[in-house]
Structure formats: structure tokens, C-alpha cells
PDB file of N, CA and C in Angstrom:
ATOM      1  N   UNK A   1      -3.749  16.762 -35.590  1.00  0.00           N
ATOM      2  CA  UNK A   1      -3.432  17.301 -34.289  1.00  0.00           C
ATOM      3  C   UNK A   1      -3.451  16.170 -33.257  1.00  0.00           C
ATOM      4  N   UNK A   2      -2.487  16.129 -32.382  1.00  0.00           N
ATOM      5  CA  UNK A   2      -2.360  15.072 -31.383  1.00  0.00           C
ATOM      6  C   UNK A   2      -3.065  15.483 -30.095  1.00  0.00           C
ATOM      7  N   UNK A   3      -4.077  14.710 -29.684  1.00  0.00           N
ATOM      8  CA  UNK A   3      -4.843  15.031 -28.485  1.00  0.00           C
ATOM      9  C   UNK A   3      -4.584  14.047 -27.354  1.00  0.00           C
ATOM     10  N   UNK A   4      -3.442  13.387 -27.402  1.00  0.00           N
ATOM     11  CA  UNK A   4      -3.126  12.423 -26.351  1.00  0.00           C
ATOM     12  C   UNK A   4      -2.906  13.136 -25.030  1.00  0.00           C
ATOM     13  N   UNK A   5      -3.368  12.500 -23.973  1.00  0.00           N
ATOM     14  CA  UNK A   5      -3.130  13.024 -22.633  1.00  0.00           C
ATOM     15  C   UNK A   5      -1.987  12.214 -22.049  1.00  0.00           C
ATOM     16  N   UNK A   6      -0.915  12.901 -21.689  1.00  0.00           N
ATOM     17  CA  UNK A   6       0.214  12.157 -21.140  1.00  0.00           C
ATOM     18  C   UNK A   6      -0.010  11.908 -19.652  1.00  0.00           C
ATOM     19  N   UNK A   7       0.276  10.718 -19.252  1.00  0.00           N
ATOM     20  CA  UNK A   7       0.127  10.330 -17.850  1.00  0.00           C
ATOM     21  C   UNK A   7       1.404  10.707 -17.107  1.00  0.00           C
ATOM     22  N   UNK A   8       1.253  11.100 -15.841  1.00  0.00           N
ATOM     23  CA  UNK A   8       2.465  11.415 -15.070  1.00  0.00           C
ATOM     24  C   UNK A   8       3.343  10.175 -14.946  1.00  0.00           C
ATOM     25  N   UNK A   9       4.619  10.390 -14.930  1.00  0.00           N
ATOM     26  CA  UNK A   9       5.546   9.279 -14.767  1.00  0.00           C
ATOM     27  C   UNK A   9       5.820   9.128 -13.275  1.00  0.00           C
ATOM     28  N   UNK A  10       5.347   8.055 -12.716  1.00  0.00           N
ATOM     29  CA  UNK A  10       5.544   7.815 -11.286  1.00  0.00           C
ATOM     30  C   UNK A  10       6.955   7.294 -11.071  1.00  0.00           C
ATOM     31  N   UNK A  11       7.664   7.902 -10.153  1.00  0.00           N
ATOM     32  CA  UNK A  11       9.058   7.548  -9.940  1.00  0.00           C
ATOM     33  C   UNK A  11       9.341   7.049  -8.526  1.00  0.00           C
ATOM     34  N   UNK A  12       8.433   7.276  -7.615  1.00  0.00           N
ATOM     35  CA  UNK A  12       8.678   6.872  -6.231  1.00  0.00           C
ATOM     36  C   UNK A  12       7.646   5.830  -5.817  1.00  0.00           C
ATOM     37  N   UNK A  13       8.078   4.896  -5.013  1.00  0.00           N
ATOM     38  CA  UNK A  13       7.216   3.807  -4.579  1.00  0.00           C
ATOM     39  C   UNK A  13       7.130   3.826  -3.058  1.00  0.00           C
ATOM     40  N   UNK A  14       5.928   3.594  -2.548  1.00  0.00           N
ATOM     41  CA  UNK A  14       5.751   3.464  -1.100  1.00  0.00           C
ATOM     42  C   UNK A  14       5.069   2.135  -0.815  1.00  0.00           C
ATOM     43  N   UNK A  15       5.209   1.688   0.399  1.00  0.00           N
ATOM     44  CA  UNK A  15       4.539   0.458   0.818  1.00  0.00           C
ATOM     45  C   UNK A  15       3.650   0.812   1.989  1.00  0.00           C
ATOM     46  N   UNK A  16       2.395   0.369   1.918  1.00  0.00           N
ATOM     47  CA  UNK A  16       1.420   0.670   2.956  1.00  0.00           C
ATOM     48  C   UNK A  16       0.822  -0.642   3.446  1.00  0.00           C
ATOM     49  N   UNK A  17       0.782  -0.811   4.735  1.00  0.00           N
ATOM     50  CA  UNK A  17       0.143  -1.990   5.316  1.00  0.00           C
ATOM     51  C   UNK A  17      -1.280  -1.634   5.729  1.00  0.00           C
ATOM     52  N   UNK A  18      -2.226  -2.483   5.325  1.00  0.00           N
ATOM     53  CA  UNK A  18      -3.635  -2.279   5.643  1.00  0.00           C
ATOM     54  C   UNK A  18      -4.165  -3.473   6.406  1.00  0.00           C
ATOM     55  N   UNK A  19      -5.231  -3.234   7.150  1.00  0.00           N
ATOM     56  CA  UNK A  19      -5.917  -4.374   7.763  1.00  0.00           C
ATOM     57  C   UNK A  19      -6.659  -5.110   6.654  1.00  0.00           C
ATOM     58  N   UNK A  20      -7.069  -6.320   6.918  1.00  0.00           N
ATOM     59  CA  UNK A  20      -7.824  -7.084   5.919  1.00  0.00           C
ATOM     60  C   UNK A  20      -9.118  -6.345   5.563  1.00  0.00           C
ATOM     61  N   UNK A  21      -9.766  -5.761   6.560  1.00  0.00           N
ATOM     62  CA  UNK A  21     -11.023  -5.037   6.323  1.00  0.00           C
ATOM     63  C   UNK A  21     -10.781  -3.801   5.444  1.00  0.00           C
ATOM     64  N   UNK A  22      -9.714  -3.077   5.715  1.00  0.00           N
ATOM     65  CA  UNK A  22      -9.386  -1.907   4.905  1.00  0.00           C
ATOM     66  C   UNK A  22      -9.123  -2.318   3.451  1.00  0.00           C
ATOM     67  N   UNK A  23      -8.341  -3.388   3.296  1.00  0.00           N
ATOM     68  CA  UNK A  23      -8.006  -3.838   1.952  1.00  0.00           C
ATOM     69  C   UNK A  23      -9.260  -4.286   1.202  1.00  0.00           C
ATOM     70  N   UNK A  24     -10.111  -5.046   1.853  1.00  0.00           N
ATOM     71  CA  UNK A  24     -11.328  -5.542   1.202  1.00  0.00           C
ATOM     72  C   UNK A  24     -12.232  -4.371   0.789  1.00  0.00           C
ATOM     73  N   UNK A  25     -12.378  -3.392   1.674  1.00  0.00           N
ATOM     74  CA  UNK A  25     -13.219  -2.236   1.357  1.00  0.00           C
ATOM     75  C   UNK A  25     -12.636  -1.467   0.170  1.00  0.00           C
ATOM     76  N   UNK A  26     -11.336  -1.265   0.185  1.00  0.00           N
ATOM     77  CA  UNK A  26     -10.678  -0.552  -0.896  1.00  0.00           C
ATOM     78  C   UNK A  26     -10.775  -1.342  -2.198  1.00  0.00           C
ATOM     79  N   UNK A  27     -10.617  -2.648  -2.108  1.00  0.00           N
ATOM     80  CA  UNK A  27     -10.720  -3.515  -3.282  1.00  0.00           C
ATOM     81  C   UNK A  27     -12.119  -3.436  -3.896  1.00  0.00           C
ATOM     82  N   UNK A  28     -13.144  -3.399  -3.074  1.00  0.00           N
ATOM     83  CA  UNK A  28     -14.525  -3.284  -3.565  1.00  0.00           C
ATOM     84  C   UNK A  28     -14.742  -1.941  -4.252  1.00  0.00           C
ATOM     85  N   UNK A  29     -14.250  -0.871  -3.645  1.00  0.00           N
ATOM     86  CA  UNK A  29     -14.386   0.464  -4.246  1.00  0.00           C
ATOM     87  C   UNK A  29     -13.664   0.505  -5.581  1.00  0.00           C
ATOM     88  N   UNK A  30     -12.463  -0.055  -5.627  1.00  0.00           N
ATOM     89  CA  UNK A  30     -11.682  -0.074  -6.867  1.00  0.00           C
ATOM     90  C   UNK A  30     -12.446  -0.831  -7.958  1.00  0.00           C
ATOM     91  N   UNK A  31     -13.041  -1.948  -7.613  1.00  0.00           N
ATOM     92  CA  UNK A  31     -13.801  -2.728  -8.591  1.00  0.00           C
ATOM     93  C   UNK A  31     -15.017  -1.944  -9.085  1.00  0.00           C
ATOM     94  N   UNK A  32     -15.724  -1.284  -8.170  1.00  0.00           N
ATOM     95  CA  UNK A  32     -16.905  -0.505  -8.549  1.00  0.00           C
ATOM     96  C   UNK A  32     -16.527   0.636  -9.490  1.00  0.00           C
ATOM     97  N   UNK A  33     -15.395   1.262  -9.232  1.00  0.00           N
ATOM     98  CA  UNK A  33     -14.966   2.411 -10.036  1.00  0.00           C
ATOM     99  C   UNK A  33     -14.093   2.000 -11.225  1.00  0.00           C
ATOM    100  N   UNK A  34     -13.854   0.704 -11.344  1.00  0.00           N
ATOM    101  CA  UNK A  34     -13.010   0.170 -12.413  1.00  0.00           C
ATOM    102  C   UNK A  34     -11.644   0.851 -12.427  1.00  0.00           C
ATOM    103  N   UNK A  35     -11.034   0.915 -11.249  1.00  0.00           N
ATOM    104  CA  UNK A  35      -9.705   1.507 -11.074  1.00  0.00           C
ATOM    105  C   UNK A  35      -8.847   0.539 -10.289  1.00  0.00           C
ATOM    106  N   UNK A  36      -7.562   0.770 -10.351  1.00  0.00           N
ATOM    107  CA  UNK A  36      -6.642  -0.006  -9.536  1.00  0.00           C
ATOM    108  C   UNK A  36      -6.583   0.621  -8.143  1.00  0.00           C
ATOM    109  N   UNK A  37      -6.239  -0.191  -7.160  1.00  0.00           N
ATOM    110  CA  UNK A  37      -6.132   0.303  -5.791  1.00  0.00           C
ATOM    111  C   UNK A  37      -5.087   1.422  -5.708  1.00  0.00           C
ATOM    112  N   UNK A  38      -3.977   1.274  -6.400  1.00  0.00           N
ATOM    113  CA  UNK A  38      -2.947   2.313  -6.396  1.00  0.00           C
ATOM    114  C   UNK A  38      -3.480   3.650  -6.892  1.00  0.00           C
ATOM    115  N   UNK A  39      -4.356   3.596  -7.896  1.00  0.00           N
ATOM    116  CA  UNK A  39      -4.960   4.825  -8.409  1.00  0.00           C
ATOM    117  C   UNK A  39      -5.827   5.469  -7.344  1.00  0.00           C
ATOM    118  N   UNK A  40      -6.618   4.664  -6.637  1.00  0.00           N
ATOM    119  CA  UNK A  40      -7.452   5.202  -5.558  1.00  0.00           C
ATOM    120  C   UNK A  40      -6.604   5.860  -4.477  1.00  0.00           C
ATOM    121  N   UNK A  41      -5.503   5.223  -4.121  1.00  0.00           N
ATOM    122  CA  UNK A  41      -4.621   5.760  -3.081  1.00  0.00           C
ATOM    123  C   UNK A  41      -4.011   7.084  -3.539  1.00  0.00           C
ATOM    124  N   UNK A  42      -3.527   7.139  -4.788  1.00  0.00           N
ATOM    125  CA  UNK A  42      -2.960   8.400  -5.307  1.00  0.00           C
ATOM    126  C   UNK A  42      -4.011   9.504  -5.332  1.00  0.00           C
ATOM    127  N   UNK A  43      -5.221   9.177  -5.778  1.00  0.00           N
ATOM    128  CA  UNK A  43      -6.292  10.177  -5.812  1.00  0.00           C
ATOM    129  C   UNK A  43      -6.637  10.667  -4.409  1.00  0.00           C
ATOM    130  N   UNK A  44      -6.663   9.767  -3.447  1.00  0.00           N
ATOM    131  CA  UNK A  44      -6.972  10.158  -2.069  1.00  0.00           C
ATOM    132  C   UNK A  44      -5.889  11.072  -1.502  1.00  0.00           C
ATOM    133  N   UNK A  45      -4.643  10.746  -1.769  1.00  0.00           N
ATOM    134  CA  UNK A  45      -3.527  11.584  -1.303  1.00  0.00           C
ATOM    135  C   UNK A  45      -3.637  12.968  -1.924  1.00  0.00           C
ATOM    136  N   UNK A  46      -3.875  13.011  -3.208  1.00  0.00           N
ATOM    137  CA  UNK A  46      -3.989  14.294  -3.918  1.00  0.00           C
ATOM    138  C   UNK A  46      -5.141  15.124  -3.348  1.00  0.00           C
ATOM    139  N   UNK A  47      -6.290  14.498  -3.197  1.00  0.00           N
ATOM    140  CA  UNK A  47      -7.482  15.217  -2.746  1.00  0.00           C
ATOM    141  C   UNK A  47      -7.384  15.642  -1.283  1.00  0.00           C
ATOM    142  N   UNK A  48      -6.915  14.756  -0.425  1.00  0.00           N
ATOM    143  CA  UNK A  48      -6.939  15.015   1.015  1.00  0.00           C
ATOM    144  C   UNK A  48      -5.777  15.876   1.487  1.00  0.00           C
ATOM    145  N   UNK A  49      -4.586  15.621   0.984  1.00  0.00           N
ATOM    146  CA  UNK A  49      -3.400  16.330   1.477  1.00  0.00           C
ATOM    147  C   UNK A  49      -2.889  17.403   0.529  1.00  0.00           C
ATOM    148  N   UNK A  50      -2.690  17.049  -0.715  1.00  0.00           N
ATOM    149  CA  UNK A  50      -1.992  17.943  -1.636  1.00  0.00           C
ATOM    150  C   UNK A  50      -2.865  19.063  -2.185  1.00  0.00           C
ATOM    151  N   UNK A  51      -4.146  18.804  -2.390  1.00  0.00           N
ATOM    152  CA  UNK A  51      -5.044  19.825  -2.917  1.00  0.00           C
ATOM    153  C   UNK A  51      -5.128  21.009  -1.946  1.00  0.00           C
ATOM    154  N   UNK A  52      -5.210  20.734  -0.657  1.00  0.00           N
ATOM    155  CA  UNK A  52      -5.293  21.807   0.339  1.00  0.00           C
ATOM    156  C   UNK A  52      -4.011  22.629   0.362  1.00  0.00           C
ATOM    157  N   UNK A  53      -2.860  21.982   0.248  1.00  0.00           N
ATOM    158  CA  UNK A  53      -1.584  22.696   0.255  1.00  0.00           C
ATOM    159  C   UNK A  53      -1.473  23.576  -0.991  1.00  0.00           C
ATOM    160  N   UNK A  54      -1.893  23.060  -2.128  1.00  0.00           N
ATOM    161  CA  UNK A  54      -1.856  23.838  -3.368  1.00  0.00           C
ATOM    162  C   UNK A  54      -2.789  25.039  -3.266  1.00  0.00           C
ATOM    163  N   UNK A  55      -3.981  24.831  -2.730  1.00  0.00           N
ATOM    164  CA  UNK A  55      -4.937  25.923  -2.580  1.00  0.00           C
ATOM    165  C   UNK A  55      -4.395  26.986  -1.627  1.00  0.00           C
ATOM    166  N   UNK A  56      -3.706  26.565  -0.575  1.00  0.00           N
ATOM    167  CA  UNK A  56      -3.112  27.522   0.368  1.00  0.00           C
ATOM    168  C   UNK A  56      -2.054  28.369  -0.328  1.00  0.00           C
ATOM    169  N   UNK A  57      -1.226  27.758  -1.188  1.00  0.00           N
ATOM    170  CA  UNK A  57      -0.210  28.512  -1.928  1.00  0.00           C
ATOM    171  C   UNK A  57      -0.853  29.513  -2.885  1.00  0.00           C
ATOM    172  N   UNK A  58      -1.921  29.106  -3.539  1.00  0.00           N
ATOM    173  CA  UNK A  58      -2.621  29.997  -4.463  1.00  0.00           C
ATOM    174  C   UNK A  58      -3.240  31.166  -3.700  1.00  0.00           C
ATOM    175  N   UNK A  59      -3.858  30.879  -2.574  1.00  0.00           N
ATOM    176  CA  UNK A  59      -4.471  31.926  -1.760  1.00  0.00           C
ATOM    177  C   UNK A  59      -3.424  32.909  -1.260  1.00  0.00           C
ATOM    178  N   UNK A  60      -2.296  32.390  -0.814  1.00  0.00           N
ATOM    179  CA  UNK A  60      -1.211  33.252  -0.331  1.00  0.00           C
ATOM    180  C   UNK A  60      -0.692  34.150  -1.450  1.00  0.00           C
ATOM    181  N   UNK A  61      -0.520  33.592  -2.636  1.00  0.00           N
ATOM    182  CA  UNK A  61      -0.034  34.382  -3.769  1.00  0.00           C
ATOM    183  C   UNK A  61      -1.052  35.466  -4.141  1.00  0.00           C
ATOM    184  N   UNK A  62      -2.327  35.120  -4.143  1.00  0.00           N
ATOM    185  CA  UNK A  62      -3.371  36.103  -4.459  1.00  0.00           C
ATOM    186  C   UNK A  62      -3.392  37.211  -3.405  1.00  0.00           C
ATOM    187  N   UNK A  63      -3.265  36.839  -2.142  1.00  0.00           N
ATOM    188  CA  UNK A  63      -3.231  37.842  -1.069  1.00  0.00           C
ATOM    189  C   UNK A  63      -2.053  38.796  -1.248  1.00  0.00           C
ATOM    190  N   UNK A  64      -0.880  38.253  -1.624  1.00  0.00           N
ATOM    191  CA  UNK A  64       0.291  39.107  -1.839  1.00  0.00           C
ATOM    192  C   UNK A  64       0.057  40.063  -3.006  1.00  0.00           C
ATOM    193  N   UNK A  65      -0.537  39.561  -4.086  1.00  0.00           N
ATOM    194  CA  UNK A  65      -0.825  40.418  -5.229  1.00  0.00           C
ATOM    195  C   UNK A  65      -1.819  41.520  -4.864  1.00  0.00           C
ATOM    196  N   UNK A  66      -2.843  41.150  -4.114  1.00  0.00           N
ATOM    197  CA  UNK A  66      -3.865  42.129  -3.747  1.00  0.00           C
ATOM    198  C   UNK A  66      -3.371  43.148  -2.731  1.00  0.00           C
ATOM    199  N   UNK A  67      -2.288  42.826  -2.031  1.00  0.00           N
ATOM    200  CA  UNK A  67      -1.765  43.759  -1.039  1.00  0.00           C
ATOM    201  C   UNK A  67      -0.762  44.748  -1.634  1.00  0.00           C
ATOM    202  N   UNK A  68      -0.437  44.592  -2.914  1.00  0.00           N
ATOM    203  CA  UNK A  68       0.472  45.536  -3.564  1.00  0.00           C
ATOM    204  C   UNK A  68      -0.188  46.911  -3.629  1.00  0.00           C
ATOM    205  N   UNK A  69       0.612  47.967  -3.537  1.00  0.00           N
ATOM    206  CA  UNK A  69       0.021  49.304  -3.619  1.00  0.00           C
ATOM    207  C   UNK A  69      -0.577  49.550  -5.004  1.00  0.00           C
ATOM    208  N   UNK A  70      -1.623  50.343  -5.025  1.00  0.00           N
ATOM    209  CA  UNK A  70      -2.258  50.681  -6.297  1.00  0.00           C
ATOM    210  C   UNK A  70      -1.347  51.562  -7.115  1.00  0.00           C
ATOM    211  N   UNK A  71      -1.323  51.313  -8.399  1.00  0.00           N
ATOM    212  CA  UNK A  71      -0.555  52.135  -9.324  1.00  0.00           C
ATOM    213  C   UNK A  71      -1.560  52.707 -10.319  1.00  0.00           C
ATOM    214  N   UNK A  72      -1.636  54.022 -10.405  1.00  0.00           N
ATOM    215  CA  UNK A  72      -2.617  54.599 -11.322  1.00  0.00           C
ATOM    216  C   UNK A  72      -2.285  54.273 -12.773  1.00  0.00           C
ATOM    217  N   UNK A  73      -3.315  54.100 -13.571  1.00  0.00           N
ATOM    218  CA  UNK A  73      -3.120  53.842 -15.000  1.00  0.00           C
ATOM    219  C   UNK A  73      -2.653  55.133 -15.671  1.00  0.00           C
ATOM    220  N   UNK A  74      -1.715  55.023 -16.593  1.00  0.00           N
ATOM    221  CA  UNK A  74      -1.243  56.234 -17.280  1.00  0.00           C
ATOM    222  C   UNK A  74      -2.364  56.860 -18.107  1.00  0.00           C
ATOM    223  N   UNK A  75      -2.370  58.173 -18.136  1.00  0.00           N
ATOM    224  CA  UNK A  75      -3.380  58.873 -18.923  1.00  0.00           C
ATOM    225  C   UNK A  75      -3.035  58.839 -20.409  1.00  0.00           C
ATOM    226  N   UNK A  76      -1.743  58.888 -20.725  1.00  0.00           N
ATOM    227  CA  UNK A  76      -1.300  58.900 -22.113  1.00  0.00           C
ATOM    228  C   UNK A  76      -0.437  57.660 -22.351  1.00  0.00           C
ATOM    229  N   UNK A  77      -1.022  56.627 -22.979  1.00  0.00           N
ATOM    230  CA  UNK A  77      -0.318  55.364 -23.168  1.00  0.00           C
ATOM    231  C   UNK A  77       0.901  55.509 -24.081  1.00  0.00           C
ATOM    232  N   UNK A  78       0.799  56.316 -25.082  1.00  0.00           N
ATOM    233  CA  UNK A  78       1.946  56.491 -25.985  1.00  0.00           C
ATOM    234  C   UNK A  78       3.132  57.082 -25.239  1.00  0.00           C
ATOM    235  N   UNK A  79       2.865  58.091 -24.420  1.00  0.00           N
ATOM    236  CA  UNK A  79       3.928  58.704 -23.629  1.00  0.00           C
ATOM    237  C   UNK A  79       4.491  57.688 -22.631  1.00  0.00           C
ATOM    238  N   UNK A  80       3.604  56.921 -22.031  1.00  0.00           N
ATOM    239  CA  UNK A  80       4.020  55.894 -21.075  1.00  0.00           C
ATOM    240  C   UNK A  80       4.946  54.878 -21.748  1.00  0.00           C
ATOM    241  N   UNK A  81       4.579  54.412 -22.943  1.00  0.00           N
ATOM    242  CA  UNK A  81       5.408  53.447 -23.671  1.00  0.00           C
ATOM    243  C   UNK A  81       6.780  54.027 -23.989  1.00  0.00           C
ATOM    244  N   UNK A  82       6.816  55.293 -24.378  1.00  0.00           N
ATOM    245  CA  UNK A  82       8.092  55.944 -24.678  1.00  0.00           C
ATOM    246  C   UNK A  82       8.974  56.009 -23.435  1.00  0.00           C
ATOM    247  N   UNK A  83       8.360  56.335 -22.296  1.00  0.00           N
ATOM    248  CA  UNK A  83       9.125  56.420 -21.048  1.00  0.00           C
ATOM    249  C   UNK A  83       9.663  55.052 -20.637  1.00  0.00           C
ATOM    250  N   UNK A  84       8.847  54.040 -20.785  1.00  0.00           N
ATOM    251  CA  UNK A  84       9.284  52.682 -20.443  1.00  0.00           C
ATOM    252  C   UNK A  84      10.427  52.265 -21.364  1.00  0.00           C
ATOM    253  N   UNK A  85      10.279  52.521 -22.659  1.00  0.00           N
ATOM    254  CA  UNK A  85      11.330  52.171 -23.618  1.00  0.00           C
ATOM    255  C   UNK A  85      12.622  52.909 -23.278  1.00  0.00           C
ATOM    256  N   UNK A  86      12.510  54.183 -22.951  1.00  0.00           N
ATOM    257  CA  UNK A  86      13.695  54.975 -22.605  1.00  0.00           C
ATOM    258  C   UNK A  86      14.339  54.442 -21.320  1.00  0.00           C
ATOM    259  N   UNK A  87      13.523  54.195 -20.314  1.00  0.00           N
ATOM    260  CA  UNK A  87      14.021  53.738 -19.012  1.00  0.00           C
ATOM    261  C   UNK A  87      14.689  52.365 -19.086  1.00  0.00           C
ATOM    262  N   UNK A  88      14.286  51.558 -20.052  1.00  0.00           N
ATOM    263  CA  UNK A  88      14.815  50.194 -20.150  1.00  0.00           C
ATOM    264  C   UNK A  88      15.756  50.016 -21.331  1.00  0.00           C
ATOM    265  N   UNK A  89      16.138  51.111 -21.971  1.00  0.00           N
ATOM    266  CA  UNK A  89      17.141  51.047 -23.021  1.00  0.00           C
ATOM    267  C   UNK A  89      16.646  50.550 -24.357  1.00  0.00           C
ATOM    268  N   UNK A  90      15.331  50.600 -24.592  1.00  0.00           N
ATOM    269  CA  UNK A  90      14.785  50.203 -25.896  1.00  0.00           C
ATOM    270  C   UNK A  90      14.719  51.429 -26.770  1.00  0.00           C
ATOM    271  N   UNK A  91      14.907  51.221 -28.047  1.00  0.00           N
ATOM    272  CA  UNK A  91      14.809  52.329 -28.997  1.00  0.00           C
ATOM    273  C   UNK A  91      13.667  52.074 -29.953  1.00  0.00           C
ATOM    274  N   UNK A  92      13.021  53.123 -30.339  1.00  0.00           N
ATOM    275  CA  UNK A  92      11.906  52.986 -31.293  1.00  0.00           C
ATOM    276  C   UNK A  92      12.407  52.856 -32.703  1.00  0.00           C
TER     277      UNK A  92
END
């Protein structure tokens, strides 16, 4: 069984200008964490900007699902299945 984790393929490049102090601080953090500076920047973007946007989309979707009207569960599942099959053109 193959348990390899595939890394995302980065396709877009950006250029960021930093002060010398910012670069030195980031370089020290990267060395301590044994990561590249680019990795730190991607992680920061994901955590600070993108994670919140993703969470907002999930919350919105959950709110929409929870706002749907309640549908009572059928009392007779066999009858319910037959009705669904009939209504959708399935044959037993």
C-alpha cells in the first residue's frame, strides 16, 4: 500500500520586499523550525487569511443546512422506498 503524501504543486509566484529586520527575524524562525522562509510565508498566509475564509464558508453552509425545514422520518421505510422508486422511475 502506498502511503506517500503528495505535496501541492505550487504554480504561482509572488515577490515580497521585507526590511532587513523582518528578513533576519524570519530567517531565524525558519532556521529554528528547520523550514524554508517560503514555507513559513505560505503557512502564515494559510493560517491568517485563508483559514478564516474557509471557516466562514463552512459556517455559512452549516447555517443553510440547519435552516432547512424539518422533514419527518417515514414511519414505513419499505413503503417510502417504493414511493421514491416510483417517483424517480426506478423499478424493483
